[in-house]
Structure formats: C-alpha cells, structure tokens
C-alpha cells in the first residue's frame, strides 16, 4: 500500500532528477525524427529510381550514414539517461527511506518486527526500480512515438489522420467483442 510518505519520497526524487527525464524525452524524440526522416529519404530515393530518374548514390549514402550515426548517438544517450535516472531515483529513495527508518522510535520496531519491515522495504524498492527502469520510460517513448507519427501523418495528409482516428473506436469495439 502506497502511503503519503512513500509518495513524498518518490516525488522528491523525481523532481530532483527531472533533467535526466527531460533529456531522455528529447533524445527519444530525436531518435523518432531520425527514423522518420530516414524512411522518408529512402522512400524518395525509391520513387526516383522507379520513375526512371537519376539518383546520386553517393549523396544518399552520406545522408543515411549521418542519420545512422545520429540515431545511434540518440539511442545511446536515451539509454544512458534512462539508466542514470533509474539509479539516481532508487539511490535517493533508498537514502530517504533509510533516514526515515533511522528516525523511528524503538517501539515501532518492537511492534512491527524487523523482518516485516525489511520485506516491505525490499519489495517497495523492487517496485520503484521496475517502474522507473521499464514502465515510465516505455510509456513516455510510446507517447512520443504516437505524437511524432501523428504529426508526420498530418504533414503528409490531414484526411489520413482523421480516418485513422475515426477508426479507433470501431477497432476497439471489434477487439472487445473478440476478446469476450
């Protein structure tokens, strides 16, 4: 059960290291842009070849190599930000929880027992680690991916995104009927 004091530890640690989360989000956006732009470059080159037009392979390879290097750097930076963010959050929460436990009166330990306290502390830290290492980064990356693709579709053809969003309720209805 998450109490108010546990929430305070989490939020304090998250606010302290928000710059790492912001860096993660920016690099995830950059990576998505590199992927979309690379696909666009390849599609335009393919269209030129199929239309019988000349395309410069040297220029295309330079652009794709630059995109590959930029994408690799963005992916590495994103992974680094996520790892450091997770470690920093866990460290800060552990320090705050240990400080809190050390300030508790002796009667609290006699009443609750140290084994139960250690089990709760260990399971809470595992849950925090899982959330900040996997759940939060994947949720934010998926959100950025959907927004980036939506903006790309709007640039490409506005009616395409209208049809796509109009079809979501129908798809969800069909899926809910199939899974019942």
Foldseek 3Di string as FASTA:
>chain_A
DDDPVLVVLQVVLCVVLVVLVVLLLVLLLQLLVLVVVLVVLVVVVVVCVVVVHDDDPVVNVVSNVVSVVSNVVSVVSNLVSLVVSLVSSLVSSVVVVVVVVVPDDPVVCVVQPPVVVVVVVVVVSVVSSCCSNPVVSVVSSVVSNVVVVLVVVCVVPVVVSVVVVVCVVVVVVVVVVVVD
